[in-house]
Amino acid sequence: MPSRPGEIYDAVLSGWIVTWPTKLLALIWLAWVVSWIVASVWSGRTKTYVPTLDSWVYRLPILLGAILLSPWTAGALGEKALYDLGNAGTYVLAVVVLIGISFTWWARIHLGRYWSNAITHKEDHRIIDTGPYGMVRHPIYTGLILAILATGVAVGTWTSLIGALLISFGEWQKARMEEGFLTAELGAEIYGPYCRRVPMIVPFLRF
């Protein structure tokens, strides 16, 4: 039994880190979600958008994936991690998650008032092809996929891995739907050259 304050602190800190990387990663994701919602007021007026019913093509896998990735799902099923990454592995993946969500914020700030959570055509919409948008056409989805996959690996249960893959698939589906929408709205002669020049999701690869 630790008796000195320093020993008690070390024991509590050690237990906090080891009891699921979600304790660390959940704080990162919570900070991202709250900041993302707060910043949602920073958006221009929408001209046209994809109907909600059509958007379930990507919303459904994201929703199912989020349920599977949730720690409550693993707890309800009595799941155990498939492997033990240790503290070092958890910290490495936490850094990867931070890189991913930082990439989403870089993209969102760079996009400015053209940003929207749904697939929309903003007033005075134009193609942004600088900054992260010069690396991939959908850097927010790229960052989210990277961070979600790292989270799924960190949790290390079957449901977390499947959930992370489902969310990633949903984000990819959303990107594909957005491609068709923007091509129709902006014109193939405008959006097409950008698509041919810049990868969609993965830097340096054509998808």
N, C-alpha and C. Protein backbone atom coordinates (compact mmCIF):
# COMPACT_ATOMS: atom_id res chain seq x y z
N MET A 1 0.85 -1.19 0.00
CA MET A 1 0.00 0.00 0.00
C MET A 1 0.88 1.24 0.00
N PRO A 2 0.68 2.16 -0.96
CA PRO A 2 1.46 3.39 -0.94
C PRO A 2 1.03 4.25 0.23
N SER A 3 2.02 4.83 0.92
CA SER A 3 1.71 5.61 2.10
C SER A 3 2.03 7.09 1.91
N ARG A 4 3.10 7.39 1.23
CA ARG A 4 3.49 8.77 1.05
C ARG A 4 2.67 9.42 -0.07
N PRO A 5 2.47 10.74 -0.02
CA PRO A 5 1.68 11.41 -1.05
C PRO A 5 2.20 11.15 -2.46
N GLY A 6 3.53 11.15 -2.61
CA GLY A 6 4.11 10.89 -3.93
C GLY A 6 3.78 9.51 -4.44
N GLU A 7 3.80 8.52 -3.54
CA GLU A 7 3.48 7.14 -3.94
C GLU A 7 2.01 7.02 -4.30
N ILE A 8 1.15 7.69 -3.54
CA ILE A 8 -0.28 7.67 -3.84
C ILE A 8 -0.54 8.29 -5.21
N TYR A 9 0.12 9.42 -5.46
CA TYR A 9 -0.05 10.11 -6.75
C TYR A 9 0.40 9.20 -7.89
N ASP A 10 1.56 8.55 -7.73
CA ASP A 10 2.07 7.66 -8.77
C ASP A 10 1.12 6.50 -9.02
N ALA A 11 0.56 5.95 -7.93
CA ALA A 11 -0.34 4.82 -8.07
C ALA A 11 -1.61 5.22 -8.80
N VAL A 12 -2.16 6.38 -8.44
CA VAL A 12 -3.38 6.86 -9.09
C VAL A 12 -3.12 7.15 -10.56
N LEU A 13 -2.01 7.84 -10.84
CA LEU A 13 -1.67 8.19 -12.21
C LEU A 13 -1.46 6.94 -13.05
N SER A 14 -0.74 5.96 -12.49
CA SER A 14 -0.48 4.72 -13.21
C SER A 14 -1.78 3.99 -13.52
N GLY A 15 -2.68 3.92 -12.54
CA GLY A 15 -3.95 3.24 -12.75
C GLY A 15 -4.81 3.96 -13.77
N TRP A 16 -4.76 5.31 -13.76
CA TRP A 16 -5.54 6.11 -14.70
C TRP A 16 -5.12 5.83 -16.14
N ILE A 17 -3.79 5.68 -16.34
CA ILE A 17 -3.29 5.47 -17.69
C ILE A 17 -3.57 4.04 -18.16
N VAL A 18 -3.40 3.07 -17.27
CA VAL A 18 -3.49 1.68 -17.68
C VAL A 18 -4.94 1.25 -17.91
N THR A 19 -5.89 1.82 -17.17
CA THR A 19 -7.28 1.38 -17.28
C THR A 19 -7.89 1.70 -18.62
N TRP A 20 -7.52 1.62 -19.62
CA TRP A 20 -8.06 1.86 -20.96
C TRP A 20 -7.43 3.12 -21.51
N PRO A 21 -6.85 2.99 -22.66
CA PRO A 21 -6.31 4.18 -23.30
C PRO A 21 -7.40 5.20 -23.56
N THR A 22 -8.69 4.76 -23.46
CA THR A 22 -9.76 5.71 -23.69
C THR A 22 -9.74 6.82 -22.67
N LYS A 23 -9.20 6.58 -21.48
CA LYS A 23 -9.14 7.66 -20.48
C LYS A 23 -8.31 8.81 -21.03
N LEU A 24 -7.25 8.47 -21.73
CA LEU A 24 -6.41 9.50 -22.33
C LEU A 24 -7.02 9.97 -23.65
N LEU A 25 -7.39 9.02 -24.50
CA LEU A 25 -7.90 9.36 -25.81
C LEU A 25 -9.27 10.02 -25.74
N ALA A 26 -10.08 9.63 -24.75
CA ALA A 26 -11.41 10.24 -24.62
C ALA A 26 -11.30 11.74 -24.36
N LEU A 27 -10.31 12.14 -23.57
CA LEU A 27 -10.11 13.56 -23.31
C LEU A 27 -9.74 14.31 -24.59
N ILE A 28 -8.90 13.67 -25.41
CA ILE A 28 -8.51 14.29 -26.68
C ILE A 28 -9.73 14.45 -27.58
N TRP A 29 -10.52 13.36 -27.69
CA TRP A 29 -11.71 13.41 -28.55
C TRP A 29 -12.76 14.37 -28.01
N LEU A 30 -12.92 14.41 -26.70
CA LEU A 30 -13.89 15.33 -26.09
C LEU A 30 -13.53 16.78 -26.40
N ALA A 31 -12.24 17.09 -26.27
CA ALA A 31 -11.79 18.45 -26.58
C ALA A 31 -12.04 18.79 -28.04
N TRP A 32 -11.81 17.83 -28.92
CA TRP A 32 -12.04 18.05 -30.35
C TRP A 32 -13.52 18.27 -30.64
N VAL A 33 -14.38 17.41 -30.09
CA VAL A 33 -15.82 17.52 -30.35
C VAL A 33 -16.37 18.85 -29.86
N VAL A 34 -16.01 19.23 -28.63
CA VAL A 34 -16.51 20.48 -28.07
C VAL A 34 -16.04 21.67 -28.91
N SER A 35 -14.76 21.69 -29.26
CA SER A 35 -14.24 22.81 -30.05
C SER A 35 -14.86 22.84 -31.44
N TRP A 36 -15.12 21.67 -32.01
CA TRP A 36 -15.72 21.56 -33.34
C TRP A 36 -17.15 22.12 -33.33
N ILE A 37 -17.90 21.78 -32.27
CA ILE A 37 -19.28 22.26 -32.16
C ILE A 37 -19.31 23.76 -31.94
N VAL A 38 -18.44 24.25 -31.06
CA VAL A 38 -18.39 25.69 -30.78
C VAL A 38 -18.08 26.47 -32.05
N ALA A 39 -17.18 25.92 -32.87
CA ALA A 39 -16.76 26.62 -34.09
C ALA A 39 -17.77 26.50 -35.22
N SER A 40 -18.86 25.73 -35.00
CA SER A 40 -19.83 25.51 -36.07
C SER A 40 -20.55 26.80 -36.48
N VAL A 41 -20.51 27.81 -35.60
CA VAL A 41 -21.15 29.08 -35.94
C VAL A 41 -20.36 29.81 -37.02
N TRP A 42 -19.11 29.41 -37.19
CA TRP A 42 -18.24 30.04 -38.19
C TRP A 42 -18.43 29.33 -39.53
N SER A 43 -19.52 29.64 -40.19
CA SER A 43 -19.84 28.99 -41.45
C SER A 43 -20.69 29.92 -42.29
N GLY A 44 -20.46 29.90 -43.59
CA GLY A 44 -21.22 30.77 -44.48
C GLY A 44 -22.62 30.25 -44.75
N ARG A 45 -23.39 31.02 -45.46
CA ARG A 45 -24.77 30.65 -45.77
C ARG A 45 -24.80 29.57 -46.84
N THR A 46 -25.67 28.57 -46.64
CA THR A 46 -25.77 27.44 -47.56
C THR A 46 -26.66 27.78 -48.75
N LYS A 47 -26.18 27.40 -49.94
CA LYS A 47 -26.95 27.62 -51.16
C LYS A 47 -27.74 26.37 -51.51
N THR A 48 -27.09 25.22 -51.59
CA THR A 48 -27.75 23.94 -51.83
C THR A 48 -27.06 22.88 -50.97
N TYR A 49 -27.72 21.73 -50.79
CA TYR A 49 -27.15 20.69 -49.94
C TYR A 49 -27.70 19.33 -50.34
N VAL A 50 -27.02 18.27 -49.89
CA VAL A 50 -27.49 16.91 -50.13
C VAL A 50 -28.61 16.60 -49.15
N PRO A 51 -29.76 16.11 -49.62
CA PRO A 51 -30.88 15.80 -48.72
C PRO A 51 -30.47 14.81 -47.63
N THR A 52 -31.04 14.99 -46.44
CA THR A 52 -30.69 14.15 -45.30
C THR A 52 -30.88 12.68 -45.59
N LEU A 53 -31.96 12.32 -46.28
CA LEU A 53 -32.24 10.91 -46.57
C LEU A 53 -31.11 10.30 -47.39
N ASP A 54 -30.62 11.02 -48.37
CA ASP A 54 -29.51 10.53 -49.21
C ASP A 54 -28.23 10.39 -48.39
N SER A 55 -28.06 11.25 -47.40
CA SER A 55 -26.81 11.26 -46.63
C SER A 55 -26.66 10.04 -45.73
N TRP A 56 -27.73 9.25 -45.56
CA TRP A 56 -27.62 8.06 -44.72
C TRP A 56 -26.70 7.01 -45.33
N VAL A 57 -26.33 7.18 -46.58
CA VAL A 57 -25.35 6.28 -47.21
C VAL A 57 -24.04 6.31 -46.44
N TYR A 58 -23.68 7.48 -45.92
CA TYR A 58 -22.45 7.57 -45.13
C TYR A 58 -22.72 7.71 -43.63
N ARG A 59 -23.88 8.27 -43.28
CA ARG A 59 -24.19 8.45 -41.86
C ARG A 59 -24.38 7.14 -41.13
N LEU A 60 -25.00 6.15 -41.78
CA LEU A 60 -25.29 4.88 -41.11
C LEU A 60 -24.02 4.13 -40.70
N PRO A 61 -23.05 3.92 -41.61
CA PRO A 61 -21.82 3.25 -41.15
C PRO A 61 -21.07 4.03 -40.08
N ILE A 62 -21.11 5.37 -40.14
CA ILE A 62 -20.46 6.18 -39.11
C ILE A 62 -21.15 5.99 -37.77
N LEU A 63 -22.49 5.96 -37.77
CA LEU A 63 -23.25 5.77 -36.54
C LEU A 63 -23.00 4.39 -35.95
N LEU A 64 -23.07 3.35 -36.78
CA LEU A 64 -22.83 1.99 -36.29
C LEU A 64 -21.39 1.85 -35.79
N GLY A 65 -20.46 2.46 -36.50
CA GLY A 65 -19.07 2.40 -36.08
C GLY A 65 -18.84 3.08 -34.76
N ALA A 66 -19.49 4.22 -34.55
CA ALA A 66 -19.35 4.94 -33.29
C ALA A 66 -19.89 4.12 -32.12
N ILE A 67 -21.00 3.40 -32.35
CA ILE A 67 -21.56 2.54 -31.31
C ILE A 67 -20.59 1.42 -30.96
N LEU A 68 -20.00 0.80 -31.98
CA LEU A 68 -19.07 -0.31 -31.75
C LEU A 68 -17.78 0.17 -31.09
N LEU A 69 -17.35 1.37 -31.45
CA LEU A 69 -16.10 1.90 -30.90
C LEU A 69 -16.27 2.39 -29.47
N SER A 70 -17.50 2.63 -29.07
CA SER A 70 -17.75 3.14 -27.72
C SER A 70 -17.27 2.17 -26.65
N PRO A 71 -16.64 2.67 -25.59
CA PRO A 71 -16.19 1.80 -24.50
C PRO A 71 -17.35 1.11 -23.78
N TRP A 72 -18.54 1.72 -23.84
CA TRP A 72 -19.70 1.10 -23.20
C TRP A 72 -20.11 -0.18 -23.92
N THR A 73 -19.90 -0.22 -25.23
CA THR A 73 -20.21 -1.43 -25.98
C THR A 73 -19.30 -2.57 -25.55
N ALA A 74 -18.00 -2.27 -25.46
CA ALA A 74 -17.04 -3.28 -25.02
C ALA A 74 -17.36 -3.75 -23.61
N GLY A 75 -17.76 -2.82 -22.75
CA GLY A 75 -18.10 -3.17 -21.38
C GLY A 75 -19.34 -4.04 -21.31
N ALA A 76 -20.35 -3.70 -22.12
CA ALA A 76 -21.59 -4.47 -22.12
C ALA A 76 -21.37 -5.90 -22.63
N LEU A 77 -20.44 -6.04 -23.57
CA LEU A 77 -20.14 -7.36 -24.13
C LEU A 77 -19.08 -8.12 -23.34
N GLY A 78 -18.51 -7.45 -22.35
CA GLY A 78 -17.46 -8.08 -21.55
C GLY A 78 -16.20 -8.37 -22.35
N GLU A 79 -15.92 -7.51 -23.32
CA GLU A 79 -14.76 -7.72 -24.19
C GLU A 79 -13.45 -7.40 -23.48
N LYS A 80 -12.43 -8.13 -23.84
CA LYS A 80 -11.07 -7.86 -23.39
C LYS A 80 -10.24 -7.45 -24.60
N ALA A 81 -9.23 -6.64 -24.36
CA ALA A 81 -8.35 -6.23 -25.46
C ALA A 81 -7.65 -7.45 -26.06
N LEU A 82 -7.45 -7.42 -27.36
CA LEU A 82 -6.80 -8.53 -28.06
C LEU A 82 -5.30 -8.54 -27.84
N TYR A 83 -4.75 -7.42 -27.39
CA TYR A 83 -3.31 -7.29 -27.18
C TYR A 83 -3.07 -6.19 -26.17
N ASP A 84 -1.86 -6.10 -25.70
CA ASP A 84 -1.48 -5.07 -24.73
C ASP A 84 -0.36 -4.23 -25.33
N LEU A 85 -0.68 -3.00 -25.64
CA LEU A 85 0.31 -2.10 -26.24
C LEU A 85 1.23 -1.48 -25.20
N GLY A 86 0.80 -1.50 -23.94
CA GLY A 86 1.58 -0.86 -22.90
C GLY A 86 1.44 0.65 -22.96
N ASN A 87 1.98 1.33 -21.97
CA ASN A 87 1.88 2.79 -21.92
C ASN A 87 2.55 3.46 -23.11
N ALA A 88 3.72 2.93 -23.51
CA ALA A 88 4.45 3.54 -24.63
C ALA A 88 3.62 3.48 -25.91
N GLY A 89 3.02 2.32 -26.17
CA GLY A 89 2.19 2.17 -27.36
C GLY A 89 0.99 3.09 -27.34
N THR A 90 0.39 3.23 -26.16
CA THR A 90 -0.77 4.12 -26.01
C THR A 90 -0.38 5.56 -26.30
N TYR A 91 0.75 5.98 -25.78
CA TYR A 91 1.20 7.36 -26.00
C TYR A 91 1.50 7.61 -27.48
N VAL A 92 2.11 6.63 -28.14
CA VAL A 92 2.41 6.78 -29.57
C VAL A 92 1.11 6.96 -30.36
N LEU A 93 0.11 6.13 -30.06
CA LEU A 93 -1.16 6.23 -30.76
C LEU A 93 -1.89 7.52 -30.40
N ALA A 94 -1.73 7.98 -29.16
CA ALA A 94 -2.33 9.26 -28.78
C ALA A 94 -1.74 10.39 -29.60
N VAL A 95 -0.45 10.31 -29.87
CA VAL A 95 0.21 11.32 -30.72
C VAL A 95 -0.35 11.25 -32.14
N VAL A 96 -0.57 10.03 -32.64
CA VAL A 96 -1.15 9.87 -33.98
C VAL A 96 -2.56 10.48 -34.02
N VAL A 97 -3.35 10.24 -32.97
CA VAL A 97 -4.69 10.83 -32.89
C VAL A 97 -4.59 12.35 -32.92
N LEU A 98 -3.66 12.91 -32.15
CA LEU A 98 -3.47 14.36 -32.12
C LEU A 98 -3.07 14.90 -33.49
N ILE A 99 -2.22 14.16 -34.18
CA ILE A 99 -1.81 14.58 -35.53
C ILE A 99 -3.04 14.60 -36.45
N GLY A 100 -3.86 13.55 -36.35
CA GLY A 100 -5.04 13.46 -37.19
C GLY A 100 -6.02 14.60 -36.95
N ILE A 101 -6.35 14.86 -35.68
CA ILE A 101 -7.33 15.91 -35.41
C ILE A 101 -6.73 17.30 -35.62
N SER A 102 -5.43 17.43 -35.47
CA SER A 102 -4.79 18.71 -35.79
C SER A 102 -4.89 18.99 -37.29
N PHE A 103 -4.78 17.93 -38.09
CA PHE A 103 -4.92 18.06 -39.54
C PHE A 103 -6.33 18.52 -39.90
N THR A 104 -7.34 17.99 -39.15
CA THR A 104 -8.72 18.43 -39.42
C THR A 104 -8.89 19.91 -39.10
N TRP A 105 -8.25 20.36 -38.03
CA TRP A 105 -8.38 21.77 -37.65
C TRP A 105 -7.65 22.68 -38.62
N TRP A 106 -6.49 22.24 -39.07
CA TRP A 106 -5.76 23.02 -40.07
C TRP A 106 -6.65 23.19 -41.31
N ALA A 107 -7.29 22.09 -41.73
CA ALA A 107 -8.15 22.14 -42.91
C ALA A 107 -9.36 23.04 -42.67
N ARG A 108 -9.96 22.91 -41.50
CA ARG A 108 -11.16 23.71 -41.22
C ARG A 108 -10.85 25.20 -41.18
N ILE A 109 -9.76 25.56 -40.53
CA ILE A 109 -9.37 26.97 -40.47
C ILE A 109 -9.04 27.48 -41.86
N HIS A 110 -8.37 26.66 -42.64
CA HIS A 110 -7.99 27.05 -44.00
C HIS A 110 -9.23 27.21 -44.89
N LEU A 111 -10.23 26.37 -44.65
CA LEU A 111 -11.46 26.42 -45.45
C LEU A 111 -12.32 27.62 -45.08
N GLY A 112 -12.22 28.05 -43.82
CA GLY A 112 -12.95 29.23 -43.38
C GLY A 112 -14.46 29.04 -43.40
N ARG A 113 -15.17 30.00 -43.93
CA ARG A 113 -16.63 29.98 -43.91
C ARG A 113 -17.24 29.04 -44.94
N TYR A 114 -16.40 28.42 -45.74
CA TYR A 114 -16.91 27.41 -46.69
C TYR A 114 -17.16 26.07 -46.01
N TRP A 115 -16.71 25.94 -44.77
CA TRP A 115 -16.88 24.66 -44.07
C TRP A 115 -18.35 24.40 -43.74
N SER A 116 -18.71 23.11 -43.76
CA SER A 116 -20.03 22.67 -43.31
C SER A 116 -19.92 21.23 -42.85
N ASN A 117 -20.69 20.86 -41.84
CA ASN A 117 -20.69 19.48 -41.37
C ASN A 117 -21.36 18.55 -42.37
N ALA A 118 -22.33 19.07 -43.10
CA ALA A 118 -23.02 18.29 -44.13
C ALA A 118 -22.40 18.62 -45.49
N ILE A 119 -22.85 17.91 -46.51
CA ILE A 119 -22.38 18.17 -47.86
C ILE A 119 -23.22 19.30 -48.43
N THR A 120 -22.60 20.46 -48.60
CA THR A 120 -23.34 21.65 -49.02
C THR A 120 -22.56 22.44 -50.07
N HIS A 121 -23.29 23.32 -50.72
CA HIS A 121 -22.69 24.30 -51.63
C HIS A 121 -22.94 25.67 -51.02
N LYS A 122 -21.89 26.30 -50.53
CA LYS A 122 -22.02 27.60 -49.89
C LYS A 122 -22.14 28.72 -50.93
N GLU A 123 -22.72 29.83 -50.53
CA GLU A 123 -22.77 30.98 -51.41
C GLU A 123 -21.35 31.45 -51.74
N ASP A 124 -21.14 31.82 -53.01
CA ASP A 124 -19.82 32.26 -53.49
C ASP A 124 -18.77 31.16 -53.33
N HIS A 125 -19.22 29.92 -53.39
CA HIS A 125 -18.32 28.78 -53.20
C HIS A 125 -17.25 28.77 -54.31
N ARG A 126 -16.03 28.51 -53.91
CA ARG A 126 -14.93 28.34 -54.86
C ARG A 126 -14.03 27.23 -54.38
N ILE A 127 -13.22 26.69 -55.27
CA ILE A 127 -12.32 25.60 -54.92
C ILE A 127 -11.14 26.14 -54.12
N ILE A 128 -10.91 25.53 -52.97
CA ILE A 128 -9.73 25.84 -52.17
C ILE A 128 -8.70 24.75 -52.47
N ASP A 129 -7.56 25.13 -53.01
CA ASP A 129 -6.56 24.12 -53.40
C ASP A 129 -5.18 24.44 -52.82
N THR A 130 -5.16 25.18 -51.71
CA THR A 130 -3.90 25.49 -51.04
C THR A 130 -3.88 24.87 -49.66
N GLY A 131 -2.74 24.95 -48.99
CA GLY A 131 -2.62 24.36 -47.65
C GLY A 131 -2.90 22.87 -47.69
N PRO A 132 -3.68 22.35 -46.73
CA PRO A 132 -3.98 20.91 -46.72
C PRO A 132 -4.76 20.48 -47.94
N TYR A 133 -5.49 21.42 -48.55
CA TYR A 133 -6.28 21.10 -49.75
C TYR A 133 -5.41 20.98 -51.00
N GLY A 134 -4.13 21.29 -50.87
CA GLY A 134 -3.19 21.02 -51.94
C GLY A 134 -2.57 19.64 -51.80
N MET A 135 -2.80 18.99 -50.64
CA MET A 135 -2.28 17.64 -50.39
C MET A 135 -3.34 16.58 -50.68
N VAL A 136 -4.56 16.83 -50.19
CA VAL A 136 -5.70 15.94 -50.46
C VAL A 136 -6.93 16.82 -50.62
N ARG A 137 -7.93 16.30 -51.33
CA ARG A 137 -9.13 17.09 -51.59
C ARG A 137 -10.05 17.15 -50.37
N HIS A 138 -9.92 16.19 -49.47
CA HIS A 138 -10.79 16.14 -48.29
C HIS A 138 -9.94 15.92 -47.02
N PRO A 139 -9.13 16.91 -46.66
CA PRO A 139 -8.22 16.74 -45.53
C PRO A 139 -8.91 16.52 -44.18
N ILE A 140 -10.13 17.04 -44.01
CA ILE A 140 -10.84 16.79 -42.75
C ILE A 140 -11.14 15.31 -42.60
N TYR A 141 -11.58 14.69 -43.69
CA TYR A 141 -11.85 13.24 -43.64
C TYR A 141 -10.56 12.45 -43.47
N THR A 142 -9.50 12.92 -44.11
CA THR A 142 -8.20 12.26 -43.97
C THR A 142 -7.75 12.25 -42.51
N GLY A 143 -7.83 13.42 -41.86
CA GLY A 143 -7.43 13.52 -40.46
C GLY A 143 -8.30 12.67 -39.55
N LEU A 144 -9.62 12.67 -39.81
CA LEU A 144 -10.53 11.88 -39.00
C LEU A 144 -10.27 10.39 -39.14
N ILE A 145 -10.05 9.94 -40.36
CA ILE A 145 -9.80 8.52 -40.59
C ILE A 145 -8.52 8.09 -39.87
N LEU A 146 -7.47 8.90 -39.98
CA LEU A 146 -6.21 8.58 -39.29
C LEU A 146 -6.43 8.49 -37.79
N ALA A 147 -7.12 9.48 -37.22
CA ALA A 147 -7.33 9.51 -35.77
C ALA A 147 -8.24 8.38 -35.30
N ILE A 148 -9.28 8.08 -36.08
CA ILE A 148 -10.21 7.01 -35.70
C ILE A 148 -9.54 5.65 -35.76
N LEU A 149 -8.76 5.40 -36.81
CA LEU A 149 -8.06 4.11 -36.91
C LEU A 149 -7.07 3.94 -35.77
N ALA A 150 -6.37 5.00 -35.41
CA ALA A 150 -5.42 4.95 -34.30
C ALA A 150 -6.15 4.67 -32.99
N THR A 151 -7.33 5.25 -32.82
CA THR A 151 -8.12 5.02 -31.61
C THR A 151 -8.58 3.57 -31.54
N GLY A 152 -9.06 3.04 -32.66
CA GLY A 152 -9.50 1.65 -32.70
C GLY A 152 -8.38 0.69 -32.35
N VAL A 153 -7.19 0.94 -32.87
CA VAL A 153 -6.03 0.10 -32.58
C VAL A 153 -5.64 0.22 -31.11
N ALA A 154 -5.73 1.43 -30.57
CA ALA A 154 -5.36 1.65 -29.17
C ALA A 154 -6.29 0.90 -28.22
N VAL A 155 -7.60 0.93 -28.51
CA VAL A 155 -8.55 0.21 -27.67
C VAL A 155 -8.33 -1.29 -27.80
N GLY A 156 -8.15 -1.76 -29.03
CA GLY A 156 -7.71 -3.13 -29.26
C GLY A 156 -8.71 -4.24 -29.06
N THR A 157 -10.01 -3.94 -29.12
CA THR A 157 -11.03 -5.00 -29.06
C THR A 157 -11.56 -5.23 -30.47
N TRP A 158 -12.25 -6.37 -30.65
CA TRP A 158 -12.83 -6.64 -31.96
C TRP A 158 -13.82 -5.55 -32.35
N THR A 159 -14.65 -5.15 -31.41
CA THR A 159 -15.67 -4.14 -31.72
C THR A 159 -15.05 -2.79 -32.04
N SER A 160 -13.97 -2.43 -31.35
CA SER A 160 -13.33 -1.15 -31.62
C SER A 160 -12.68 -1.14 -33.00
N LEU A 161 -12.09 -2.25 -33.39
CA LEU A 161 -11.44 -2.33 -34.69
C LEU A 161 -12.47 -2.29 -35.82
N ILE A 162 -13.56 -3.05 -35.64
CA ILE A 162 -14.62 -3.04 -36.64
C ILE A 162 -15.28 -1.67 -36.69
N GLY A 163 -15.51 -1.08 -35.51
CA GLY A 163 -16.10 0.25 -35.46
C GLY A 163 -15.26 1.30 -36.16
N ALA A 164 -13.94 1.25 -35.94
CA ALA A 164 -13.03 2.21 -36.58
C ALA A 164 -13.07 2.05 -38.10
N LEU A 165 -13.13 0.81 -38.57
CA LEU A 165 -13.19 0.55 -40.01
C LEU A 165 -14.51 1.05 -40.60
N LEU A 166 -15.62 0.85 -39.86
CA LEU A 166 -16.92 1.32 -40.34
C LEU A 166 -16.95 2.85 -40.44
N ILE A 167 -16.43 3.52 -39.42
CA ILE A 167 -16.40 4.98 -39.46
C ILE A 167 -15.53 5.47 -40.62
N SER A 168 -14.39 4.83 -40.81
CA SER A 168 -13.49 5.20 -41.91
C SER A 168 -14.18 5.00 -43.26
N PHE A 169 -14.91 3.88 -43.37
CA PHE A 169 -15.66 3.62 -44.61
C PHE A 169 -16.72 4.69 -44.82
N GLY A 170 -17.40 5.08 -43.74
CA GLY A 170 -18.42 6.13 -43.84
C GLY A 170 -17.83 7.46 -44.29
N GLU A 171 -16.66 7.80 -43.76
CA GLU A 171 -16.01 9.05 -44.17
C GLU A 171 -15.60 8.99 -45.64
N TRP A 172 -15.14 7.82 -46.07
CA TRP A 172 -14.77 7.64 -47.49
C TRP A 172 -16.00 7.78 -48.37
N GLN A 173 -17.12 7.17 -47.93
CA GLN A 173 -18.38 7.29 -48.67
C GLN A 173 -18.83 8.74 -48.76
N LYS A 174 -18.67 9.47 -47.66
CA LYS A 174 -19.05 10.88 -47.64
C LYS A 174 -18.21 11.67 -48.63
N ALA A 175 -16.91 11.37 -48.68
CA ALA A 175 -16.03 12.04 -49.63
C ALA A 175 -16.46 11.76 -51.07
N ARG A 176 -16.81 10.51 -51.36
CA ARG A 176 -17.25 10.15 -52.72
C ARG A 176 -18.53 10.88 -53.09
N MET A 177 -19.48 10.94 -52.13
CA MET A 177 -20.73 11.64 -52.40
C MET A 177 -20.47 13.13 -52.61
N GLU A 178 -19.57 13.68 -51.82
CA GLU A 178 -19.24 15.10 -51.96
C GLU A 178 -18.59 15.39 -53.31
N GLU A 179 -17.80 14.42 -53.79
CA GLU A 179 -17.16 14.59 -55.09
C GLU A 179 -18.22 14.77 -56.19
N GLY A 180 -19.21 13.86 -56.18
CA GLY A 180 -20.26 13.95 -57.19
C GLY A 180 -21.08 15.22 -57.06
N PHE A 181 -21.36 15.61 -55.83
CA PHE A 181 -22.16 16.81 -55.57
C PHE A 181 -21.44 18.06 -56.06
N LEU A 182 -20.16 18.19 -55.72
CA LEU A 182 -19.40 19.38 -56.11
C LEU A 182 -19.16 19.43 -57.61
N THR A 183 -18.99 18.25 -58.22
CA THR A 183 -18.82 18.21 -59.68
C THR A 183 -20.07 18.74 -60.37
N ALA A 184 -21.25 18.32 -59.85
CA ALA A 184 -22.51 18.78 -60.42
C ALA A 184 -22.75 20.27 -60.15
N GLU A 185 -22.40 20.72 -58.95
CA GLU A 185 -22.67 22.10 -58.56
C GLU A 185 -21.70 23.10 -59.19
N LEU A 186 -20.41 22.74 -59.19
CA LEU A 186 -19.39 23.67 -59.69
C LEU A 186 -19.08 23.48 -61.16
N GLY A 187 -19.39 22.29 -61.67
CA GLY A 187 -19.10 21.99 -63.07
C GLY A 187 -17.85 21.14 -63.20
N ALA A 188 -17.93 20.12 -64.07
CA ALA A 188 -16.80 19.21 -64.26
C ALA A 188 -15.57 19.94 -64.80
N GLU A 189 -15.81 20.99 -65.58
CA GLU A 189 -14.68 21.73 -66.16
C GLU A 189 -13.91 22.51 -65.09
N ILE A 190 -14.55 22.77 -63.94
CA ILE A 190 -13.89 23.49 -62.85
C ILE A 190 -13.34 22.52 -61.81
N TYR A 191 -14.19 21.57 -61.38
CA TYR A 191 -13.77 20.66 -60.32
C TYR A 191 -12.90 19.51 -60.84
N GLY A 192 -13.09 19.13 -62.10
CA GLY A 192 -12.36 18.01 -62.67
C GLY A 192 -10.84 18.15 -62.64
N PRO A 193 -10.28 19.29 -63.09
CA PRO A 193 -8.82 19.46 -63.05
C PRO A 193 -8.24 19.34 -61.64
N TYR A 194 -8.98 19.86 -60.65
CA TYR A 194 -8.54 19.75 -59.26
C TYR A 194 -8.49 18.28 -58.82
N CYS A 195 -9.50 17.50 -59.24
CA CYS A 195 -9.54 16.07 -58.90
C CYS A 195 -8.39 15.32 -59.54
N ARG A 196 -8.04 15.70 -60.74
CA ARG A 196 -6.94 15.01 -61.43
C ARG A 196 -5.58 15.39 -60.86
N ARG A 197 -5.50 16.55 -60.26
CA ARG A 197 -4.22 17.04 -59.75
C ARG A 197 -3.95 16.63 -58.31
N VAL A 198 -5.00 16.53 -57.48
CA VAL A 198 -4.83 16.29 -56.04
C VAL A 198 -5.56 15.01 -55.63
N PRO A 199 -4.91 14.12 -54.85
CA PRO A 199 -5.56 12.88 -54.38
C PRO A 199 -6.79 13.19 -53.53
N MET A 200 -7.71 12.22 -53.42
CA MET A 200 -8.95 12.44 -52.70
C MET A 200 -8.76 12.36 -51.18
N ILE A 201 -8.22 11.26 -50.69
CA ILE A 201 -8.12 11.03 -49.25
C ILE A 201 -6.68 10.79 -48.78
N VAL A 202 -5.95 9.95 -49.53
CA VAL A 202 -4.61 9.54 -49.13
C VAL A 202 -3.57 10.34 -49.91
N PRO A 203 -2.71 11.09 -49.23
CA PRO A 203 -1.68 11.85 -49.95
C PRO A 203 -0.83 10.96 -50.85
N PHE A 204 -0.55 11.45 -52.04
CA PHE A 204 0.32 10.80 -53.03
C PHE A 204 -0.32 9.59 -53.68
N LEU A 205 -1.55 9.21 -53.28
CA LEU A 205 -2.24 8.10 -53.92
C LEU A 205 -3.54 8.60 -54.53
N ARG A 206 -4.04 7.95 -55.54
CA ARG A 206 -5.20 8.42 -56.27
C ARG A 206 -6.51 7.98 -55.66
N PHE A 207 -6.62 7.96 -54.34
CA PHE A 207 -7.91 7.66 -53.70
C PHE A 207 -7.89 8.23 -52.28
